[in-house]
């Protein structure tokens, strides 16, 4: 990891033009490297990409320079970049000699073409610059510490306290969850390399980004500048301290949620004891969120002996906010400790030191009566309702990103259900969601299925087993008839008492609406 001074963004427009002209984009990389080598980079394996970049084209030079972080001949860098400006701003530095100390790759840098060096000079990158595709096909660039692009050339293990990571799975998950409606003010808490602020800049008039690490704020500035996005308002400090007294229409945070003994690594460790950092962040959001605004977080939480984890998370939800909390994964304390000890490279340390740190993690969990750790998503919406909707569920199954529209629709359905009692549901009109299909399960050749399953092909990709009445009900929901009239028809076909059927079915309708299988629609004009 480089801890030297960071580049200046002064000439970032010219650098951006050069990167785009060379095809240094997600699509360009895939075309150059091929799918296997491109996928290998995500596993921190660089050999396939090195083999694919033995030529002297500007794109191959940029891949070696910024992705593989190898020294390249200065004349090749000059052909790919505005080299004088990049040297002046600090994006690259000169290395004299063959390869600047890169060993065998110093020779590999000239493989597949003539050496072409004018004076034997080489240059190397001071930061990791990684192409990143925006949701509408935008060509963006994420800037992070060398070797710290998650899944990048050197992996993300064993880094120091002030490290700034690049974009990884957690970052893209949070970006995909976020509701993307136009807003006046957005806040990115713990911005890191600036990926969430970059996304927010597409639909927010004003973006504010905070971080406890001043280096992270400077990286976020570089990411926004090199991506051609408007500058954010950058503020140093912890949690909501830098924006005390202010409210926002959108708040996002991928905080340092790791539950660990101490705060050794700023980029990941909460440092407040247990899951207190995540709890504090969520609880304090109520005072920072404008009416109707959304807040999205990734978080870890403890599973404590004698306590239901769902109750623990419900207690975090601030007054006046609806919440949707989804637990995606659970690990026992040994798995959790081992995961993060590997992340920090401790498994490569002296065995005695590794065992001592492992013991410290388990001692911490024992002291807090923690038996497991959950990971997932927390979304809040400032509804101001006296009876908030708080949904806490476990969903470890595959989903389809982006989920922002699914999240927004979830809260809209909660509003609907909160204002419609059973009698109102029977007079309402519904349509089957367009992505829902029906599956009949039973023995081959059987006259009737053993059961019917409704399955969503989009969003959360839920599946639910329904009885004969619910299957028949959803099958004819096209918005033309009220729920009550459909049930009356079903009662007549099945020879059931229509009054009893009306009494027992609204709860099933409510669940199908809550989970998105049925959508409320306006009654047809008379």
Protein backbone atom coordinates (compact mmCIF):
# COMPACT_ATOMS: atom_id res chain seq x y z
CA UNK A 1 0.00 0.00 0.00
CA UNK A 2 1.21 3.47 -0.84
CA UNK A 3 1.05 6.08 1.91
CA UNK A 4 2.69 8.82 -0.12
CA UNK A 5 0.96 12.04 -1.07
CA UNK A 6 -2.05 11.54 -3.28
CA UNK A 7 -2.56 12.86 -6.80
CA UNK A 8 -4.14 16.23 -7.45
CA UNK A 9 -7.34 16.25 -9.54
CA UNK A 10 -6.33 19.38 -11.48
CA UNK A 11 -5.86 17.67 -14.84
CA UNK A 12 -8.33 14.83 -14.29
CA UNK A 13 -10.44 15.83 -17.35
CA UNK A 14 -7.42 15.31 -19.63
CA UNK A 15 -6.54 12.03 -17.92
CA UNK A 16 -10.15 10.88 -18.26
CA UNK A 17 -10.13 11.69 -21.98
CA UNK A 18 -6.95 9.65 -22.43
CA UNK A 19 -8.36 6.65 -20.54
CA UNK A 20 -11.52 6.68 -22.63
CA UNK A 21 -9.64 7.17 -25.88
CA UNK A 22 -7.55 4.09 -25.12
CA UNK A 23 -10.65 2.02 -24.33
CA UNK A 24 -9.73 1.72 -20.65
CA UNK A 25 -13.32 0.85 -19.72
CA UNK A 26 -15.14 -2.23 -18.44
CA UNK A 27 -16.06 -3.24 -21.98
CA UNK A 28 -12.59 -2.46 -23.26
CA UNK A 29 -10.97 -4.62 -20.60
CA UNK A 30 -13.26 -7.53 -21.34
CA UNK A 31 -12.46 -7.30 -25.06
CA UNK A 32 -8.71 -7.09 -24.44
CA UNK A 33 -8.29 -9.65 -21.68
CA UNK A 34 -11.07 -12.07 -22.51
CA UNK A 35 -13.56 -13.40 -20.00
CA UNK A 36 -11.21 -15.89 -18.22
CA UNK A 37 -8.42 -13.35 -17.58
CA UNK A 38 -10.94 -10.67 -16.62
CA UNK A 39 -12.59 -13.02 -14.14
CA UNK A 40 -9.18 -14.03 -12.78
CA UNK A 41 -8.51 -10.40 -11.80
CA UNK A 42 -11.55 -10.55 -9.53
CA UNK A 43 -9.84 -13.49 -7.79
CA UNK A 44 -6.63 -11.45 -7.38
CA UNK A 45 -4.85 -13.56 -10.02
CA UNK A 46 -2.77 -11.47 -12.40
CA UNK A 47 -0.88 -13.97 -14.56
CA UNK A 48 -3.61 -14.32 -17.26
CA UNK A 49 -3.86 -10.53 -17.56
CA UNK A 50 -0.07 -10.19 -17.76
CA UNK A 51 -0.01 -12.70 -20.61
CA UNK A 52 -2.75 -10.77 -22.40
CA UNK A 53 -0.93 -7.42 -22.18
CA UNK A 54 2.47 -8.17 -23.72
CA UNK A 55 1.93 -5.74 -26.57
CA UNK A 56 2.53 -2.03 -26.70
CA UNK A 57 -0.96 -0.62 -27.29
CA UNK A 58 -2.12 2.24 -25.04
CA UNK A 59 -4.76 -0.01 -23.47
CA UNK A 60 -2.25 -2.73 -22.63
CA UNK A 61 0.03 -0.08 -21.12
CA UNK A 62 -2.79 1.30 -18.96
CA UNK A 63 -3.82 -2.15 -17.75
CA UNK A 64 -0.27 -2.90 -16.66
CA UNK A 65 0.18 0.51 -15.10
CA UNK A 66 -3.07 0.98 -13.15
CA UNK A 67 -4.58 -2.50 -12.78
CA UNK A 68 -1.56 -4.76 -12.54
CA UNK A 69 0.55 -2.01 -10.98
CA UNK A 70 3.70 -2.76 -12.92
CA UNK A 71 6.26 -0.23 -14.03
CA UNK A 72 6.02 0.57 -17.75
CA UNK A 73 8.44 2.33 -20.10
CA UNK A 74 7.97 6.09 -20.01
CA UNK A 75 7.59 6.38 -23.76
CA UNK A 76 4.72 3.90 -23.74
CA UNK A 77 3.08 5.78 -20.89
CA UNK A 78 3.50 8.98 -22.89
CA UNK A 79 1.67 7.38 -25.82
CA UNK A 80 -1.24 6.45 -23.55
CA UNK A 81 -1.42 9.41 -21.17
CA UNK A 82 -0.76 13.14 -20.88
CA UNK A 83 2.39 12.07 -19.08
CA UNK A 84 3.71 15.50 -18.09
CA UNK A 85 0.44 16.41 -16.40
CA UNK A 86 0.16 12.97 -14.75
CA UNK A 87 3.67 13.32 -13.35
CA UNK A 88 2.97 16.86 -12.16
CA UNK A 89 -0.31 15.88 -10.49
CA UNK A 90 1.17 12.72 -8.98
CA UNK A 91 -0.85 10.01 -10.72
CA UNK A 92 2.44 8.39 -11.73
CA UNK A 93 6.07 8.74 -10.66
CA UNK A 94 9.30 8.03 -12.49
CA UNK A 95 11.37 4.94 -11.79
CA UNK A 96 14.85 4.84 -13.25
CA UNK A 97 16.32 1.57 -14.42
CA UNK A 98 14.83 -1.53 -15.95
CA UNK A 99 11.36 -1.83 -14.57
CA UNK A 100 11.96 0.27 -11.50
CA UNK A 101 12.63 -2.67 -9.25
CA UNK A 102 9.80 -4.80 -10.58
CA UNK A 103 12.06 -7.80 -11.06
CA UNK A 104 11.12 -10.24 -13.78
CA UNK A 105 8.23 -8.11 -14.94
CA UNK A 106 10.61 -5.30 -15.84
CA UNK A 107 11.52 -7.41 -18.85
CA UNK A 108 7.95 -8.57 -19.32
CA UNK A 109 6.90 -4.97 -19.69
CA UNK A 110 8.59 -4.84 -23.08
CA UNK A 111 7.57 -8.32 -24.16
CA UNK A 112 5.73 -8.56 -27.46
CA UNK A 113 7.11 -5.33 -28.93
CA UNK A 114 10.23 -3.23 -29.27
CA UNK A 115 11.61 -1.70 -26.11
CA UNK A 116 11.03 1.82 -27.39
CA UNK A 117 12.58 3.51 -24.35
CA UNK A 118 14.05 6.91 -25.08
CA UNK A 119 16.16 7.12 -21.94
CA UNK A 120 15.59 3.89 -20.01
CA UNK A 121 13.04 5.60 -17.80
CA UNK A 122 10.04 3.78 -16.39
CA UNK A 123 6.96 5.10 -14.61
CA UNK A 124 4.68 3.47 -12.09
CA UNK A 125 1.25 4.36 -10.75
CA UNK A 126 0.80 5.85 -7.30
CA UNK A 127 -2.84 4.74 -7.00
CA UNK A 128 -5.13 2.01 -8.29
CA UNK A 129 -7.45 3.31 -11.05
CA UNK A 130 -10.17 0.82 -11.94
CA UNK A 131 -12.85 1.15 -14.63
CA UNK A 132 -16.37 0.83 -13.25
CA UNK A 133 -19.59 0.79 -15.23
CA UNK A 134 -22.41 3.06 -14.06
CA UNK A 135 -26.06 1.97 -14.06
CA UNK A 136 -26.80 3.73 -17.34
CA UNK A 137 -23.59 2.64 -19.05
CA UNK A 138 -21.48 5.50 -17.67
CA UNK A 139 -17.71 5.03 -17.79
CA UNK A 140 -16.53 5.71 -14.24
CA UNK A 141 -13.20 5.17 -12.49
CA UNK A 142 -12.70 4.17 -8.85
CA UNK A 143 -9.44 5.36 -7.29
CA UNK A 144 -8.00 3.53 -4.29
CA UNK A 145 -4.72 2.60 -2.64
CA UNK A 146 -2.31 0.43 -4.61
CA UNK A 147 -3.15 -3.22 -4.17
CA UNK A 148 -6.37 -2.36 -2.38
CA UNK A 149 -8.97 -2.71 -5.07
CA UNK A 150 -11.06 -5.50 -3.58
CA UNK A 151 -10.47 -8.51 -5.78
CA UNK A 152 -7.80 -6.51 -7.55
CA UNK A 153 -4.25 -7.11 -8.58
CA UNK A 154 -2.84 -7.58 -5.11
CA UNK A 155 -5.92 -8.49 -3.12
CA UNK A 156 -7.05 -6.59 -0.04
CA UNK A 157 -5.28 -8.33 2.81
CA UNK A 158 -2.78 -7.18 5.37
CA UNK A 159 -3.16 -3.43 4.89
CA UNK A 160 -2.50 -0.68 7.37
CA UNK A 161 -4.90 1.40 9.39
CA UNK A 162 -5.33 4.28 6.95
CA UNK A 163 -5.89 2.17 3.86
CA UNK A 164 -8.62 3.13 1.38
CA UNK A 165 -10.14 0.17 -0.43
CA UNK A 166 -11.64 0.17 -3.89
CA UNK A 167 -15.01 -1.12 -4.95
CA UNK A 168 -16.00 -4.61 -3.86
CA UNK A 169 -19.03 -6.81 -3.46
CA UNK A 170 -20.35 -4.95 -0.43
CA UNK A 171 -20.08 -1.61 -2.25
CA UNK A 172 -21.95 -2.80 -5.31
CA UNK A 173 -24.60 -4.50 -3.15
CA UNK A 174 -25.33 -1.25 -1.33
CA UNK A 175 -25.38 0.74 -4.57
CA UNK A 176 -27.88 -1.71 -6.05
CA UNK A 177 -30.16 -1.54 -2.98
CA UNK A 178 -30.45 2.21 -2.95
CA UNK A 179 -33.67 3.89 -4.05
CA UNK A 180 -32.73 6.12 -7.01
CA UNK A 181 -35.39 8.82 -7.05
CA UNK A 182 -34.34 12.47 -7.61
CA UNK A 183 -33.46 14.16 -4.30
CA UNK A 184 -32.15 17.52 -3.20
CA UNK A 185 -29.58 16.35 -0.62
CA UNK A 186 -27.77 13.03 -0.26
CA UNK A 187 -25.26 11.95 2.40
CA UNK A 188 -22.62 9.21 2.14
CA UNK A 189 -21.38 8.30 5.64
CA UNK A 190 -17.94 6.67 5.59
CA UNK A 191 -17.40 7.33 1.89
CA UNK A 192 -14.10 5.47 1.46
CA UNK A 193 -13.11 5.69 -2.21
CA UNK A 194 -16.37 7.50 -3.00
CA UNK A 195 -18.38 4.86 -4.85
CA UNK A 196 -21.70 5.64 -3.09
CA UNK A 197 -21.21 9.39 -3.52
CA UNK A 198 -20.55 8.77 -7.22
CA UNK A 199 -23.85 6.92 -7.61
CA UNK A 200 -25.72 9.57 -5.60
CA UNK A 201 -24.35 12.35 -7.83
CA UNK A 202 -26.54 11.00 -10.67
CA UNK A 203 -29.82 11.90 -8.91
CA UNK A 204 -29.00 14.27 -6.04
CA UNK A 205 -28.60 18.02 -6.42
CA UNK A 206 -26.09 18.16 -3.56
CA UNK A 207 -23.95 15.29 -2.30
CA UNK A 208 -22.12 15.37 1.04
CA UNK A 209 -19.54 12.69 1.87
CA UNK A 210 -17.97 12.12 5.28
CA UNK A 211 -15.20 9.89 6.57
CA UNK A 212 -13.09 9.58 9.70
CA UNK A 213 -10.04 8.98 7.49
CA UNK A 214 -8.90 12.20 5.73
CA UNK A 215 -7.16 10.13 3.04
CA UNK A 216 -10.51 8.57 2.15
CA UNK A 217 -11.98 12.01 1.48
CA UNK A 218 -9.13 12.78 -0.89
CA UNK A 219 -9.65 9.47 -2.69
CA UNK A 220 -13.37 10.20 -3.01
CA UNK A 221 -12.51 13.55 -4.56
CA UNK A 222 -10.28 11.79 -7.10
CA UNK A 223 -12.94 9.20 -7.94
CA UNK A 224 -15.57 11.86 -8.60
CA UNK A 225 -13.22 14.07 -10.61
CA UNK A 226 -11.86 11.25 -12.78
CA UNK A 227 -15.40 9.95 -13.39
CA UNK A 228 -16.57 13.34 -14.62
CA UNK A 229 -19.06 13.69 -11.76
CA UNK A 230 -19.85 16.89 -9.82
CA UNK A 231 -17.68 17.46 -6.77
CA UNK A 232 -19.11 16.42 -3.40
CA UNK A 233 -19.00 18.40 -0.17
CA UNK A 234 -16.34 16.53 1.82
CA UNK A 235 -16.28 16.57 5.62
CA UNK A 236 -13.99 14.80 8.05
CA UNK A 237 -15.35 13.10 11.15
CA UNK A 238 -17.11 10.07 12.60
CA UNK A 239 -20.69 9.03 11.85
CA UNK A 240 -23.03 12.06 11.83
CA UNK A 241 -20.65 14.35 13.72
CA UNK A 242 -19.64 16.37 10.61
CA UNK A 243 -23.28 17.07 9.66
CA UNK A 244 -24.78 17.78 13.08
CA UNK A 245 -28.17 19.47 12.79
CA UNK A 246 -28.58 18.79 9.06
CA UNK A 247 -31.16 16.55 7.36
CA UNK A 248 -30.96 14.64 4.09
CA UNK A 249 -33.37 13.06 1.64
CA UNK A 250 -31.05 10.09 1.13
CA UNK A 251 -28.45 8.60 3.47
CA UNK A 252 -26.22 5.68 2.50
CA UNK A 253 -23.43 3.99 4.42
CA UNK A 254 -21.18 0.97 4.04
CA UNK A 255 -19.66 1.50 7.49
CA UNK A 256 -16.75 -0.30 9.17
CA UNK A 257 -19.15 -2.93 10.48
CA UNK A 258 -16.74 -5.71 11.48
CA UNK A 259 -17.28 -6.82 15.09
CA UNK A 260 -13.74 -7.19 16.43
CA UNK A 261 -11.68 -6.71 19.58
CA UNK A 262 -10.47 -3.13 19.11
CA UNK A 263 -10.29 -0.86 16.07
CA UNK A 264 -7.02 -1.95 14.49
CA UNK A 265 -8.14 -1.35 10.90
CA UNK A 266 -10.12 1.84 10.33
CA UNK A 267 -11.52 0.73 6.98
CA UNK A 268 -13.38 -2.24 8.48
CA UNK A 269 -13.43 -2.37 12.32
CA UNK A 270 -16.23 -0.56 14.13
CA UNK A 271 -14.18 0.06 17.26
CA UNK A 272 -17.19 0.76 19.50
CA UNK A 273 -17.59 -2.70 21.00
CA UNK A 274 -19.78 -5.42 19.57
CA UNK A 275 -22.28 -4.11 17.03
CA UNK A 276 -22.60 -0.73 18.73
CA UNK A 277 -21.32 1.22 15.72
CA UNK A 278 -24.02 -0.16 13.43
CA UNK A 279 -26.67 0.29 16.14
CA UNK A 280 -25.62 3.89 16.77
CA UNK A 281 -25.56 4.70 13.07
CA UNK A 282 -29.07 3.34 12.53
CA UNK A 283 -30.56 4.87 15.67
CA UNK A 284 -29.13 8.33 14.99
CA UNK A 285 -30.41 8.33 11.41
CA UNK A 286 -33.93 9.23 12.54
CA UNK A 287 -32.85 12.79 13.36
CA UNK A 288 -30.87 13.17 10.12
CA UNK A 289 -33.49 11.90 7.66
CA UNK A 290 -35.94 14.30 6.03
CA UNK A 291 -39.62 13.38 5.82
CA UNK A 292 -40.13 10.72 3.16
CA UNK A 293 -36.38 10.13 2.88
CA UNK A 294 -34.58 6.80 2.65
CA UNK A 295 -31.50 5.48 4.43
CA UNK A 296 -29.62 2.36 3.35
CA UNK A 297 -26.94 0.51 5.34
CA UNK A 298 -24.93 -2.66 5.28
CA UNK A 299 -24.39 -3.99 8.79
CA UNK A 300 -23.25 -6.83 11.03
CA UNK A 301 -25.15 -7.73 14.19
CA UNK A 302 -24.66 -10.07 17.10
CA UNK A 303 -26.76 -13.14 17.80
CA UNK A 304 -26.74 -13.11 21.59
CA UNK A 305 -27.70 -15.96 23.91
CA UNK A 306 -31.20 -15.57 25.29
CA UNK A 307 -32.20 -12.91 22.74
CA UNK A 308 -33.95 -13.16 19.38
CA UNK A 309 -31.84 -11.44 16.75
CA UNK A 310 -34.99 -9.99 15.18
CA UNK A 311 -35.89 -8.26 18.46
CA UNK A 312 -32.37 -6.87 18.69
CA UNK A 313 -32.68 -5.23 15.29
CA UNK A 314 -36.20 -3.95 15.88
CA UNK A 315 -34.84 -2.06 18.87
CA UNK A 316 -32.44 -0.20 16.56
CA UNK A 317 -35.19 1.35 14.41
CA UNK A 318 -35.59 5.06 15.26
CA UNK A 319 -38.96 6.59 16.06
CA UNK A 320 -40.95 7.75 13.03
CA UNK A 321 -39.19 5.38 10.61
CA UNK A 322 -40.42 2.34 8.74
CA UNK A 323 -37.77 -0.36 8.31
CA UNK A 324 -37.00 -3.35 6.12
CA UNK A 325 -34.17 -5.44 7.53
CA UNK A 326 -32.91 -8.50 5.64
CA UNK A 327 -30.41 -10.95 7.11
CA UNK A 328 -28.45 -12.43 4.21
CA UNK A 329 -25.90 -14.59 6.02
CA UNK A 330 -25.03 -15.94 9.46
CA UNK A 331 -21.65 -17.22 10.63
CA UNK A 332 -20.73 -18.81 13.92
CA UNK A 333 -18.09 -16.93 15.88
CA UNK A 334 -15.21 -19.17 14.77
CA UNK A 335 -16.04 -18.76 11.08
CA UNK A 336 -16.42 -15.02 11.56
CA UNK A 337 -13.09 -14.61 13.36
CA UNK A 338 -11.26 -16.68 10.76
CA UNK A 339 -12.79 -14.68 7.88
CA UNK A 340 -11.52 -11.35 9.19
CA UNK A 341 -8.18 -12.69 10.42
CA UNK A 342 -7.58 -13.82 6.84
CA UNK A 343 -8.74 -10.44 5.54
CA UNK A 344 -6.03 -8.70 7.55
CA UNK A 345 -3.36 -11.26 6.62
CA UNK A 346 -2.95 -12.49 10.20
CA UNK A 347 -3.06 -16.11 9.01
CA UNK A 348 0.31 -15.45 7.37
CA UNK A 349 1.86 -14.13 10.58
CA UNK A 350 3.75 -16.01 13.28
CA UNK A 351 1.53 -18.91 14.45
CA UNK A 352 1.76 -17.71 18.03
CA UNK A 353 0.61 -14.21 17.12
CA UNK A 354 -2.23 -15.63 15.02
CA UNK A 355 -3.42 -17.82 17.89
CA UNK A 356 -3.29 -14.89 20.30
CA UNK A 357 -5.43 -12.74 18.02
CA UNK A 358 -7.85 -15.60 17.43
CA UNK A 359 -8.15 -16.03 21.21
CA UNK A 360 -8.82 -12.30 21.59
CA UNK A 361 -11.74 -12.51 19.13
CA UNK A 362 -13.27 -15.49 20.91
CA UNK A 363 -12.76 -13.84 24.32
CA UNK A 364 -14.63 -10.79 23.03
CA UNK A 365 -17.52 -12.92 21.80
CA UNK A 366 -17.64 -14.88 25.06
CA UNK A 367 -17.76 -11.68 27.09
CA UNK A 368 -20.73 -10.46 25.04
CA UNK A 369 -22.45 -13.88 25.00
CA UNK A 370 -22.34 -13.78 21.21
CA UNK A 371 -22.93 -17.12 19.51
CA UNK A 372 -23.05 -15.96 15.89
CA UNK A 373 -22.90 -12.86 13.69
CA UNK A 374 -25.43 -11.87 11.05
CA UNK A 375 -24.83 -9.78 7.95
CA UNK A 376 -27.41 -7.99 5.88
CA UNK A 377 -29.21 -4.87 4.72
CA UNK A 378 -31.06 -2.24 6.69
CA UNK A 379 -33.34 0.25 4.94
CA UNK A 380 -35.20 3.02 6.75
CA UNK A 381 -37.84 5.37 5.44
CA UNK A 382 -38.92 8.44 7.40
CA UNK A 383 -42.70 8.01 7.37
CA UNK A 384 -43.56 9.80 10.64
CA UNK A 385 -46.27 7.21 11.21
CA UNK A 386 -47.32 6.41 14.78
CA UNK A 387 -47.55 2.70 13.89
CA UNK A 388 -44.41 2.11 11.81
CA UNK A 389 -43.95 -0.87 9.55
CA UNK A 390 -40.90 -2.85 10.68
CA UNK A 391 -40.20 -6.00 8.65
CA UNK A 392 -37.27 -8.17 9.80
CA UNK A 393 -36.63 -11.31 7.80
CA UNK A 394 -34.00 -13.83 6.81
CA UNK A 395 -33.46 -14.25 3.07
CA UNK A 396 -30.21 -16.07 2.14
CA UNK A 397 -31.43 -16.91 -1.38
CA UNK A 398 -30.26 -15.34 -4.66
CA UNK A 399 -31.76 -11.97 -5.63
CA UNK A 400 -31.61 -9.87 -8.78
CA UNK A 401 -29.81 -6.56 -8.51
CA UNK A 402 -30.43 -3.69 -8.74
CA UNK A 403 -33.09 -3.82 -6.03
CA UNK A 404 -33.74 -0.10 -5.56
CA UNK A 405 -37.12 -0.22 -7.29
CA UNK A 406 -38.02 -3.37 -5.32
CA UNK A 407 -37.17 -1.55 -2.08
CA UNK A 408 -39.26 1.48 -3.01
CA UNK A 409 -42.22 -0.71 -3.97
CA UNK A 410 -41.95 -2.59 -0.66
CA UNK A 411 -42.52 0.58 1.34
CA UNK A 412 -45.33 1.69 -0.94
CA UNK A 413 -47.09 -1.61 -0.30
CA UNK A 414 -46.61 -1.16 3.44
CA UNK A 415 -48.33 2.21 3.18
CA UNK A 416 -51.20 0.58 1.34
CA UNK A 417 -51.64 -2.26 3.83
CA UNK A 418 -51.44 0.09 6.79
CA UNK A 419 -54.43 2.05 5.49
CA UNK A 420 -56.57 -0.91 4.33
CA UNK A 421 -58.29 -3.18 6.81
CA UNK A 422 -59.77 -6.54 5.82
CA UNK A 423 -63.03 -5.00 4.66
CA UNK A 424 -61.15 -2.54 2.45
CA UNK A 425 -59.06 -5.34 0.94
CA UNK A 426 -62.23 -7.14 -0.15
CA UNK A 427 -63.42 -4.09 -2.06
CA UNK A 428 -60.00 -3.46 -3.62
CA UNK A 429 -58.75 -4.55 -7.03
CA UNK A 430 -55.47 -6.40 -7.58
CA UNK A 431 -53.29 -7.61 -10.44
CA UNK A 432 -50.74 -10.39 -10.43
CA UNK A 433 -47.23 -8.92 -10.61
CA UNK A 434 -45.88 -9.36 -14.16
CA UNK A 435 -42.77 -11.30 -13.05
CA UNK A 436 -44.78 -13.98 -11.16
CA UNK A 437 -45.21 -17.48 -12.56
CA UNK A 438 -47.18 -20.40 -11.19
CA UNK A 439 -45.65 -23.85 -10.67
CA UNK A 440 -47.71 -26.96 -10.01
CA UNK A 441 -45.95 -29.67 -8.03
CA UNK A 442 -47.15 -33.25 -7.97
CA UNK A 443 -46.68 -36.75 -9.30
CA UNK A 444 -46.60 -37.12 -13.10
CA UNK A 445 -50.01 -37.95 -14.47
CA UNK A 446 -51.86 -36.97 -11.30
CA UNK A 447 -55.19 -35.23 -11.89
CA UNK A 448 -54.55 -32.55 -9.27
CA UNK A 449 -51.22 -31.06 -8.09
CA UNK A 450 -50.03 -31.70 -4.55
CA UNK A 451 -49.48 -27.98 -4.15
CA UNK A 452 -49.08 -24.77 -6.13
CA UNK A 453 -46.10 -22.42 -5.87
CA UNK A 454 -46.04 -18.77 -6.92
CA UNK A 455 -42.53 -17.65 -7.90
CA UNK A 456 -41.06 -14.24 -8.70
CA UNK A 457 -38.52 -14.12 -11.51
CA UNK A 458 -37.26 -10.64 -10.59
CA UNK A 459 -36.23 -8.68 -7.52
CA UNK A 460 -36.20 -10.76 -4.33
CA UNK A 461 -37.17 -13.87 -6.32
CA UNK A 462 -39.51 -15.04 -3.62
CA UNK A 463 -41.53 -18.24 -3.80
CA UNK A 464 -44.58 -19.09 -1.72
CA UNK A 465 -46.81 -22.13 -1.50
CA UNK A 466 -50.52 -21.35 -1.86
CA UNK A 467 -53.70 -23.35 -1.38
CA UNK A 468 -56.37 -23.96 -4.00
CA UNK A 469 -58.31 -20.81 -3.15
CA UNK A 470 -55.25 -18.54 -3.29
CA UNK A 471 -54.08 -20.16 -6.53
CA UNK A 472 -57.48 -19.61 -8.12
CA UNK A 473 -57.69 -16.09 -6.73
CA UNK A 474 -54.29 -14.96 -8.05
CA UNK A 475 -54.92 -16.67 -11.37
CA UNK A 476 -57.84 -14.36 -12.21
CA UNK A 477 -56.49 -11.14 -10.63
CA UNK A 478 -56.25 -8.79 -13.58
CA UNK A 479 -57.72 -5.68 -11.93
CA UNK A 480 -61.18 -6.03 -13.48
CA UNK A 481 -62.98 -7.49 -10.44
CA UNK A 482 -62.80 -6.67 -6.74
CA UNK A 483 -61.29 -9.24 -4.38
CA UNK A 484 -64.69 -9.88 -2.82
CA UNK A 485 -66.37 -10.62 -6.15
CA UNK A 486 -63.58 -13.03 -7.10
CA UNK A 487 -63.97 -14.88 -3.79
CA UNK A 488 -67.72 -15.11 -4.25
CA UNK A 489 -67.18 -16.74 -7.64
CA UNK A 490 -64.62 -19.16 -6.18
CA UNK A 491 -67.03 -20.04 -3.35
CA UNK A 492 -69.74 -20.86 -5.89
CA UNK A 493 -67.40 -23.07 -7.93
CA UNK A 494 -66.11 -24.92 -4.87
CA UNK A 495 -69.45 -25.14 -3.09
CA UNK A 496 -68.20 -23.18 -0.09
CA UNK A 497 -69.95 -20.62 2.10
CA UNK A 498 -69.03 -17.22 0.57
CA UNK A 499 -69.24 -15.48 3.97
CA UNK A 500 -66.75 -17.88 5.55
CA UNK A 501 -64.45 -17.61 2.55
CA UNK A 502 -64.51 -13.82 2.77
CA UNK A 503 -63.68 -14.03 6.46
CA UNK A 504 -60.65 -16.30 6.17
CA UNK A 505 -59.01 -15.07 2.95
CA UNK A 506 -57.97 -11.41 3.62
CA UNK A 507 -54.95 -12.53 5.66
CA UNK A 508 -53.65 -14.52 2.67
CA UNK A 509 -54.29 -11.54 0.38
CA UNK A 510 -52.41 -9.28 2.79
CA UNK A 511 -49.36 -11.58 2.74
CA UNK A 512 -49.37 -11.81 -1.06
CA UNK A 513 -49.49 -8.03 -1.31
CA UNK A 514 -46.78 -7.56 1.32
CA UNK A 515 -44.39 -9.87 -0.53
CA UNK A 516 -45.14 -8.35 -3.94
CA UNK A 517 -47.04 -11.17 -5.63
CA UNK A 518 -50.20 -9.05 -5.90
CA UNK A 519 -50.22 -5.36 -6.80
CA UNK A 520 -53.06 -2.99 -5.83
CA UNK A 521 -54.58 -1.32 -8.90
CA UNK A 522 -57.27 1.26 -9.46
CA UNK A 523 -60.78 0.00 -10.07
CA UNK A 524 -61.81 0.18 -13.73
CA UNK A 525 -63.94 3.15 -14.71
CA UNK A 526 -67.66 2.50 -14.51
